[in-house]
Amino acid sequence: MSRPRPNILLESINKHTYKAEQVLSAGAIFSVYYQGNPINLRILNTLVSYPGPKYKKVSFSNPGHAFNLAERLNKQFDTDDFKVIKLLKGEEVTEDEIRNNKG
């Protein structure tokens, strides 16, 4: 079974490389939470500090990727506390609001 055609909202084509960047609509964002709280996921080498930690994605527009990550983390940490949360709406914020609240 093939994927359904995406709904393209915007498209920009680079005239030098001919690569197109498309903004597609998504029904929701699916994020992996731990014990009901949002998480970040960081990978690092414990023997050397180079090249430094890398952060992995924990939110996806495809639910399958989120469920696979939650399942892998539950197995890795021997728990069932990692769950997939469907995000449909959110609160718009500005960088200034975030900076001022950390302050």
N, C-alpha and C. Protein backbone atom coordinates (compact mmCIF):
# COMPACT_ATOMS: atom_id res chain seq x y z
N MET A 1 0.84 -1.17 0.00
CA MET A 1 0.00 0.00 0.00
C MET A 1 0.89 1.24 0.00
N SER A 2 0.63 2.17 -0.89
CA SER A 2 1.46 3.36 -0.98
C SER A 2 0.95 4.44 -0.03
N ARG A 3 1.83 5.38 0.26
CA ARG A 3 1.46 6.50 1.11
C ARG A 3 0.49 7.41 0.38
N PRO A 4 -0.40 8.06 1.13
CA PRO A 4 -1.26 9.04 0.48
C PRO A 4 -0.44 10.27 0.07
N ARG A 5 -0.88 10.96 -0.95
CA ARG A 5 -0.17 12.16 -1.41
C ARG A 5 -0.24 13.22 -0.32
N PRO A 6 0.87 13.88 -0.05
CA PRO A 6 0.86 14.92 0.99
C PRO A 6 0.16 16.18 0.47
N ASN A 7 -0.37 16.94 1.40
CA ASN A 7 -0.98 18.22 1.07
C ASN A 7 0.10 19.29 1.19
N ILE A 8 0.57 19.82 0.07
CA ILE A 8 1.66 20.79 0.05
C ILE A 8 1.09 22.18 0.31
N LEU A 9 1.57 22.83 1.38
CA LEU A 9 1.11 24.17 1.73
C LEU A 9 1.96 25.25 1.07
N LEU A 10 3.29 25.06 1.07
CA LEU A 10 4.23 26.01 0.47
C LEU A 10 5.37 25.24 -0.18
N GLU A 11 5.99 25.84 -1.20
CA GLU A 11 7.13 25.21 -1.85
C GLU A 11 8.12 26.28 -2.28
N SER A 12 9.40 26.01 -2.04
CA SER A 12 10.47 26.90 -2.47
C SER A 12 11.51 26.07 -3.19
N ILE A 13 11.90 26.49 -4.40
CA ILE A 13 12.88 25.75 -5.19
C ILE A 13 14.14 26.59 -5.31
N ASN A 14 15.29 26.00 -4.92
CA ASN A 14 16.58 26.67 -5.03
C ASN A 14 16.99 26.65 -6.50
N LYS A 15 17.22 27.82 -7.08
CA LYS A 15 17.51 27.91 -8.52
C LYS A 15 18.90 27.42 -8.88
N HIS A 16 19.78 27.26 -7.88
CA HIS A 16 21.13 26.78 -8.15
C HIS A 16 21.24 25.26 -8.03
N THR A 17 20.58 24.70 -7.01
CA THR A 17 20.68 23.25 -6.78
C THR A 17 19.44 22.49 -7.28
N TYR A 18 18.38 23.22 -7.59
CA TYR A 18 17.11 22.64 -8.02
C TYR A 18 16.46 21.78 -6.94
N LYS A 19 16.87 21.97 -5.71
CA LYS A 19 16.23 21.24 -4.61
C LYS A 19 15.01 22.01 -4.15
N ALA A 20 13.94 21.28 -3.92
CA ALA A 20 12.69 21.90 -3.47
C ALA A 20 12.50 21.63 -1.98
N GLU A 21 12.08 22.66 -1.25
CA GLU A 21 11.71 22.50 0.15
C GLU A 21 10.21 22.73 0.23
N GLN A 22 9.49 21.74 0.74
CA GLN A 22 8.03 21.81 0.79
C GLN A 22 7.55 21.80 2.23
N VAL A 23 6.58 22.64 2.51
CA VAL A 23 5.89 22.65 3.81
C VAL A 23 4.62 21.84 3.61
N LEU A 24 4.49 20.75 4.38
CA LEU A 24 3.35 19.84 4.24
C LEU A 24 2.45 19.94 5.46
N SER A 25 1.16 19.76 5.26
CA SER A 25 0.24 19.75 6.39
C SER A 25 0.40 18.43 7.15
N ALA A 26 0.16 18.48 8.44
CA ALA A 26 0.23 17.29 9.28
C ALA A 26 -1.00 17.28 10.17
N GLY A 27 -1.53 16.11 10.40
CA GLY A 27 -2.72 15.99 11.24
C GLY A 27 -2.43 16.27 12.70
N ALA A 28 -1.22 15.96 13.13
CA ALA A 28 -0.83 16.15 14.52
C ALA A 28 0.68 15.93 14.63
N ILE A 29 1.20 16.24 15.78
CA ILE A 29 2.58 15.91 16.13
C ILE A 29 2.51 14.87 17.24
N PHE A 30 3.31 13.84 17.12
CA PHE A 30 3.34 12.75 18.10
C PHE A 30 4.67 12.81 18.83
N SER A 31 4.60 12.95 20.14
CA SER A 31 5.80 13.14 20.94
C SER A 31 5.90 12.06 22.00
N VAL A 32 7.11 11.65 22.32
CA VAL A 32 7.34 10.65 23.36
C VAL A 32 7.50 11.38 24.69
N TYR A 33 6.72 10.96 25.67
CA TYR A 33 6.75 11.53 27.01
C TYR A 33 7.19 10.45 28.00
N TYR A 34 7.79 10.87 29.10
CA TYR A 34 8.17 9.95 30.17
C TYR A 34 7.41 10.34 31.43
N GLN A 35 6.63 9.42 31.95
CA GLN A 35 5.80 9.65 33.13
C GLN A 35 4.95 10.91 32.99
N GLY A 36 4.40 11.11 31.78
CA GLY A 36 3.51 12.22 31.53
C GLY A 36 4.19 13.56 31.28
N ASN A 37 5.51 13.56 31.17
CA ASN A 37 6.26 14.80 30.97
C ASN A 37 7.06 14.74 29.67
N PRO A 38 7.18 15.89 28.96
CA PRO A 38 7.99 15.91 27.74
C PRO A 38 9.45 15.66 28.05
N ILE A 39 10.17 15.09 27.09
CA ILE A 39 11.58 14.74 27.30
C ILE A 39 12.45 15.24 26.15
N ASN A 40 13.74 15.27 26.40
CA ASN A 40 14.77 15.36 25.37
C ASN A 40 15.55 14.05 25.44
N LEU A 41 16.22 13.70 24.38
CA LEU A 41 17.01 12.48 24.34
C LEU A 41 18.40 12.83 23.85
N ARG A 42 19.40 12.56 24.69
CA ARG A 42 20.78 12.93 24.38
C ARG A 42 21.65 11.68 24.35
N ILE A 43 22.56 11.62 23.39
CA ILE A 43 23.50 10.51 23.24
C ILE A 43 24.91 11.09 23.36
N LEU A 44 25.76 10.44 24.17
CA LEU A 44 27.13 10.92 24.29
C LEU A 44 28.06 9.75 24.56
N ASN A 45 29.34 9.97 24.25
CA ASN A 45 30.37 8.98 24.51
C ASN A 45 30.91 9.22 25.91
N THR A 46 30.85 8.20 26.78
CA THR A 46 31.28 8.37 28.16
C THR A 46 32.80 8.30 28.32
N LEU A 47 33.52 7.89 27.27
CA LEU A 47 34.98 7.79 27.38
C LEU A 47 35.69 9.07 26.95
N VAL A 48 35.16 9.76 25.95
CA VAL A 48 35.78 10.98 25.45
C VAL A 48 34.71 12.06 25.29
N SER A 49 35.11 13.32 25.41
CA SER A 49 34.14 14.40 25.31
C SER A 49 33.96 14.88 23.86
N TYR A 50 34.76 14.35 22.93
CA TYR A 50 34.64 14.75 21.54
C TYR A 50 33.80 13.73 20.80
N PRO A 51 32.92 14.01 19.96
CA PRO A 51 32.53 15.32 19.45
C PRO A 51 31.48 16.02 20.30
N GLY A 52 31.14 15.50 21.44
CA GLY A 52 30.12 16.11 22.29
C GLY A 52 28.80 15.41 22.14
N PRO A 53 27.85 15.75 23.01
CA PRO A 53 26.54 15.07 22.97
C PRO A 53 25.75 15.43 21.72
N LYS A 54 24.91 14.49 21.31
CA LYS A 54 24.00 14.71 20.19
C LYS A 54 22.58 14.53 20.72
N TYR A 55 21.70 15.39 20.30
CA TYR A 55 20.30 15.31 20.71
C TYR A 55 19.50 14.64 19.60
N LYS A 56 18.65 13.69 19.98
CA LYS A 56 17.84 12.96 19.01
C LYS A 56 16.41 13.48 19.06
N LYS A 57 15.70 13.25 17.96
CA LYS A 57 14.30 13.68 17.87
C LYS A 57 13.42 12.84 18.79
N VAL A 58 12.46 13.50 19.41
CA VAL A 58 11.46 12.80 20.21
C VAL A 58 10.04 13.17 19.79
N SER A 59 9.90 14.05 18.77
CA SER A 59 8.60 14.43 18.25
C SER A 59 8.58 14.22 16.74
N PHE A 60 7.47 13.70 16.24
CA PHE A 60 7.38 13.30 14.84
C PHE A 60 6.00 13.61 14.29
N SER A 61 5.91 13.85 12.98
CA SER A 61 4.61 14.00 12.35
C SER A 61 4.03 12.64 11.95
N ASN A 62 4.84 11.59 12.01
CA ASN A 62 4.40 10.23 11.70
C ASN A 62 4.30 9.46 13.03
N PRO A 63 3.12 8.96 13.40
CA PRO A 63 2.98 8.28 14.69
C PRO A 63 3.83 7.02 14.80
N GLY A 64 4.10 6.35 13.68
CA GLY A 64 4.88 5.11 13.72
C GLY A 64 6.27 5.33 14.30
N HIS A 65 6.92 6.43 13.94
CA HIS A 65 8.26 6.71 14.47
C HIS A 65 8.21 6.92 15.98
N ALA A 66 7.18 7.63 16.45
CA ALA A 66 7.05 7.88 17.89
C ALA A 66 6.81 6.58 18.65
N PHE A 67 5.93 5.72 18.13
CA PHE A 67 5.66 4.44 18.81
C PHE A 67 6.91 3.55 18.82
N ASN A 68 7.67 3.54 17.73
CA ASN A 68 8.91 2.74 17.71
C ASN A 68 9.90 3.24 18.74
N LEU A 69 10.05 4.57 18.87
CA LEU A 69 10.98 5.13 19.86
C LEU A 69 10.52 4.81 21.27
N ALA A 70 9.24 4.99 21.56
CA ALA A 70 8.72 4.70 22.90
C ALA A 70 8.93 3.22 23.25
N GLU A 71 8.68 2.35 22.30
CA GLU A 71 8.86 0.92 22.54
C GLU A 71 10.34 0.59 22.81
N ARG A 72 11.23 1.19 22.02
CA ARG A 72 12.67 0.95 22.21
C ARG A 72 13.13 1.46 23.58
N LEU A 73 12.68 2.65 23.97
CA LEU A 73 13.09 3.21 25.26
C LEU A 73 12.51 2.41 26.42
N ASN A 74 11.27 1.95 26.30
CA ASN A 74 10.69 1.12 27.36
C ASN A 74 11.47 -0.17 27.53
N LYS A 75 11.88 -0.76 26.42
CA LYS A 75 12.66 -1.99 26.49
C LYS A 75 14.05 -1.72 27.06
N GLN A 76 14.69 -0.65 26.61
CA GLN A 76 16.05 -0.31 27.04
C GLN A 76 16.12 -0.01 28.54
N PHE A 77 15.11 0.68 29.07
CA PHE A 77 15.12 1.08 30.47
C PHE A 77 14.22 0.19 31.33
N ASP A 78 13.73 -0.90 30.76
CA ASP A 78 12.91 -1.89 31.47
C ASP A 78 11.76 -1.22 32.23
N THR A 79 10.93 -0.49 31.49
CA THR A 79 9.81 0.23 32.07
C THR A 79 8.67 0.27 31.06
N ASP A 80 7.54 0.79 31.47
CA ASP A 80 6.46 1.07 30.53
C ASP A 80 6.00 2.52 30.68
N ASP A 81 6.89 3.38 31.17
CA ASP A 81 6.59 4.78 31.44
C ASP A 81 6.73 5.70 30.23
N PHE A 82 7.30 5.21 29.13
CA PHE A 82 7.39 6.02 27.92
C PHE A 82 6.11 5.83 27.11
N LYS A 83 5.42 6.92 26.82
CA LYS A 83 4.15 6.89 26.10
C LYS A 83 4.19 7.89 24.96
N VAL A 84 3.33 7.68 23.98
CA VAL A 84 3.20 8.60 22.85
C VAL A 84 2.02 9.52 23.13
N ILE A 85 2.26 10.82 23.02
CA ILE A 85 1.23 11.83 23.23
C ILE A 85 0.94 12.51 21.89
N LYS A 86 -0.33 12.64 21.56
CA LYS A 86 -0.76 13.29 20.33
C LYS A 86 -1.00 14.77 20.62
N LEU A 87 -0.26 15.62 19.94
CA LEU A 87 -0.37 17.07 20.14
C LEU A 87 -1.16 17.67 18.98
N LEU A 88 -2.31 18.26 19.29
CA LEU A 88 -3.15 18.85 18.26
C LEU A 88 -3.13 20.37 18.27
N LYS A 89 -3.02 20.95 19.44
CA LYS A 89 -3.01 22.40 19.58
C LYS A 89 -1.92 22.78 20.55
N GLY A 90 -1.51 24.01 20.46
CA GLY A 90 -0.49 24.49 21.37
C GLY A 90 -0.63 25.98 21.57
N GLU A 91 0.18 26.49 22.45
CA GLU A 91 0.19 27.91 22.74
C GLU A 91 1.34 28.56 21.99
N GLU A 92 1.05 29.60 21.24
CA GLU A 92 2.10 30.32 20.51
C GLU A 92 2.90 31.17 21.50
N VAL A 93 4.23 31.09 21.37
CA VAL A 93 5.12 31.86 22.22
C VAL A 93 6.15 32.56 21.34
N THR A 94 6.80 33.58 21.89
CA THR A 94 7.87 34.27 21.18
C THR A 94 9.18 33.99 21.90
N GLU A 95 10.30 34.22 21.21
CA GLU A 95 11.61 34.04 21.84
C GLU A 95 11.75 34.93 23.06
N ASP A 96 11.27 36.17 22.96
CA ASP A 96 11.36 37.10 24.09
C ASP A 96 10.63 36.57 25.31
N GLU A 97 9.46 35.98 25.12
CA GLU A 97 8.72 35.41 26.25
C GLU A 97 9.50 34.28 26.92
N ILE A 98 10.12 33.43 26.12
CA ILE A 98 10.89 32.33 26.66
C ILE A 98 12.11 32.85 27.42
N ARG A 99 12.81 33.80 26.84
CA ARG A 99 14.00 34.36 27.50
C ARG A 99 13.62 35.03 28.83
N ASN A 100 12.54 35.79 28.83
CA ASN A 100 12.13 36.51 30.04
C ASN A 100 11.65 35.57 31.14
N ASN A 101 11.05 34.44 30.78
CA ASN A 101 10.57 33.48 31.78
C ASN A 101 11.70 32.68 32.39
N LYS A 102 12.83 32.53 31.67
CA LYS A 102 13.99 31.77 32.21
C LYS A 102 14.77 32.60 33.21
N GLY A 103 14.66 33.89 33.10
CA GLY A 103 15.39 34.80 33.74
C GLY A 103 15.94 35.14 34.93
